[in-house]
Amino acid sequence: MENKLRSVKQNNTVRQRQEKQRAILLEQLEKVPIVQIACDRSSIARTTYYRWLKEDKQFKKVAEAALTAGEALINDMSESQLIALIRDKNFSAVRYWLDRHHPKYRTERNEQKLKAKKPSRVTFKIIKY
């Protein structure tokens, strides 16, 4: 009976530790959507991350949402930097922006890519794990 009680306590401790590790990892994925970096910052092996994805469907959903949120953050930061470069009159940044956002300035190569790939709207809901 005492051994069972000790075993249950140990299992609860392991579960609590894993929940904390998962929460830290998910937080890191929202900041930097690169699995290797998020795992390193969370002190979790990549293999553990992929095992959690495989074993826990709820964790997989939340991890995918965290990656999507992280990508959105990086996209916002990148766009902000691009706009700052445009304000500084960086011609390459101006050309890049116009090529992708104004039909009059699009290059033929970029026009073909845009026709081949229609933009899709992505929505996501962040669920705290």
Protein backbone atom coordinates (compact mmCIF):
# COMPACT_ATOMS: atom_id res chain seq x y z
CA MET A 1 0.00 0.00 0.00
CA GLU A 2 2.80 2.40 0.90
CA ASN A 3 4.65 1.58 -2.34
CA LYS A 4 1.52 2.35 -4.37
CA LEU A 5 1.10 5.68 -2.61
CA ARG A 6 4.77 6.56 -3.28
CA SER A 7 4.36 5.56 -6.93
CA VAL A 8 1.25 7.73 -7.33
CA LYS A 9 3.06 10.70 -5.79
CA GLN A 10 6.01 10.21 -8.12
CA ASN A 11 3.70 10.01 -11.14
CA ASN A 12 1.97 13.22 -10.05
CA THR A 13 5.34 14.94 -9.66
CA VAL A 14 6.44 13.82 -13.13
CA ARG A 15 3.12 14.97 -14.63
CA GLN A 16 3.40 18.38 -12.94
CA ARG A 17 6.99 18.80 -14.16
CA GLN A 18 5.99 17.86 -17.70
CA GLU A 19 3.08 20.30 -17.65
CA LYS A 20 5.44 23.10 -16.61
CA GLN A 21 7.92 22.09 -19.32
CA ARG A 22 5.17 22.03 -21.94
CA ALA A 23 3.92 25.46 -20.90
CA ILE A 24 7.44 26.91 -21.12
CA LEU A 25 7.98 25.29 -24.51
CA LEU A 26 4.68 26.62 -25.87
CA GLU A 27 5.57 30.10 -24.65
CA GLN A 28 8.90 29.88 -26.46
CA LEU A 29 7.24 28.67 -29.68
CA GLU A 30 5.01 31.76 -29.59
CA LYS A 31 8.13 33.95 -29.35
CA VAL A 32 10.35 32.10 -31.81
CA PRO A 33 8.61 29.60 -34.10
CA ILE A 34 11.68 27.41 -34.58
CA VAL A 35 11.36 24.09 -32.78
CA GLN A 36 15.10 23.62 -32.15
CA ILE A 37 15.50 27.06 -30.59
CA ALA A 38 12.33 26.75 -28.50
CA CYS A 39 13.45 23.34 -27.25
CA ASP A 40 16.93 24.63 -26.39
CA ARG A 41 15.49 27.59 -24.48
CA SER A 42 13.11 25.27 -22.65
CA SER A 43 15.77 22.65 -21.90
CA ILE A 44 13.70 20.01 -23.66
CA ALA A 45 15.03 17.56 -26.22
CA ARG A 46 13.53 17.81 -29.72
CA THR A 47 12.75 14.12 -29.56
CA THR A 48 10.66 14.77 -26.44
CA TYR A 49 8.78 17.53 -28.26
CA TYR A 50 8.01 15.25 -31.20
CA ARG A 51 7.02 12.41 -28.86
CA TRP A 52 4.58 14.76 -27.08
CA LEU A 53 3.14 15.74 -30.47
CA LYS A 54 2.67 12.09 -31.39
CA GLU A 55 1.21 11.00 -28.05
CA ASP A 56 -0.98 13.97 -27.13
CA LYS A 57 -3.44 15.32 -29.72
CA GLN A 58 -4.40 18.29 -27.53
CA PHE A 59 -0.75 19.27 -27.12
CA LYS A 60 -0.29 18.97 -30.87
CA LYS A 61 -3.17 21.39 -31.52
CA VAL A 62 -1.86 23.88 -28.99
CA ALA A 63 1.72 23.56 -30.30
CA GLU A 64 0.55 24.19 -33.87
CA ALA A 65 -1.36 27.27 -32.67
CA ALA A 66 1.75 28.49 -30.82
CA LEU A 67 3.87 28.03 -33.96
CA THR A 68 1.28 29.94 -36.01
CA ALA A 69 1.24 32.75 -33.44
CA GLY A 70 5.04 32.83 -33.45
CA GLU A 71 5.13 33.03 -37.24
CA ALA A 72 2.61 35.88 -37.15
CA LEU A 73 4.81 37.71 -34.64
CA ILE A 74 7.90 37.28 -36.81
CA ASN A 75 5.95 38.41 -39.87
CA ASP A 76 4.81 41.55 -38.04
CA MET A 77 8.34 42.29 -36.87
CA SER A 78 9.71 41.75 -40.38
CA GLU A 79 7.12 44.00 -41.93
CA SER A 80 7.88 46.66 -39.34
CA GLN A 81 11.59 46.47 -40.18
CA LEU A 82 10.82 46.67 -43.89
CA ILE A 83 8.71 49.79 -43.34
CA ALA A 84 11.52 51.33 -41.29
CA LEU A 85 13.92 50.68 -44.18
CA ILE A 86 11.46 52.29 -46.59
CA ARG A 87 11.29 55.35 -44.33
CA ASP A 88 15.10 55.48 -44.44
CA LYS A 89 14.83 55.56 -48.25
CA ASN A 90 16.43 52.17 -48.77
CA PHE A 91 15.78 51.57 -52.48
CA SER A 92 15.92 47.76 -52.21
CA ALA A 93 13.21 47.83 -49.54
CA VAL A 94 11.09 50.21 -51.60
CA ARG A 95 11.43 48.02 -54.68
CA TYR A 96 10.64 44.87 -52.69
CA TRP A 97 7.50 46.41 -51.23
CA LEU A 98 6.23 47.79 -54.53
CA ASP A 99 6.99 44.54 -56.36
CA ARG A 100 4.75 42.64 -53.95
CA HIS A 101 2.06 45.20 -53.18
CA HIS A 102 1.50 47.41 -56.22
CA PRO A 103 0.45 45.91 -59.56
CA LYS A 104 2.12 48.71 -61.54
CA TYR A 105 5.57 47.79 -60.21
CA ARG A 106 5.35 44.00 -60.15
CA THR A 107 8.02 42.11 -62.01
CA GLU A 108 7.01 39.42 -64.46
CA ARG A 109 8.57 36.71 -62.28
CA ASN A 110 6.67 37.81 -59.20
CA GLU A 111 3.43 38.20 -61.18
CA GLN A 112 3.64 34.54 -62.22
CA LYS A 113 4.17 33.47 -58.62
CA LEU A 114 1.19 35.50 -57.46
CA LYS A 115 -1.06 33.99 -60.10
CA ALA A 116 0.06 30.46 -59.24
CA LYS A 117 -0.46 30.92 -55.52
CA LYS A 118 -3.67 32.54 -54.38
CA PRO A 119 -3.41 34.02 -50.90
CA SER A 120 -5.44 32.29 -48.24
CA ARG A 121 -6.76 33.73 -45.04
CA VAL A 122 -5.50 31.97 -41.92
CA THR A 123 -7.23 32.30 -38.60
CA PHE A 124 -6.09 30.78 -35.37
CA LYS A 125 -7.15 30.64 -31.80
CA ILE A 126 -4.57 30.54 -29.03
CA ILE A 127 -5.41 28.04 -26.34
CA LYS A 128 -3.40 28.10 -23.14
CA TYR A 129 -2.23 24.62 -22.27
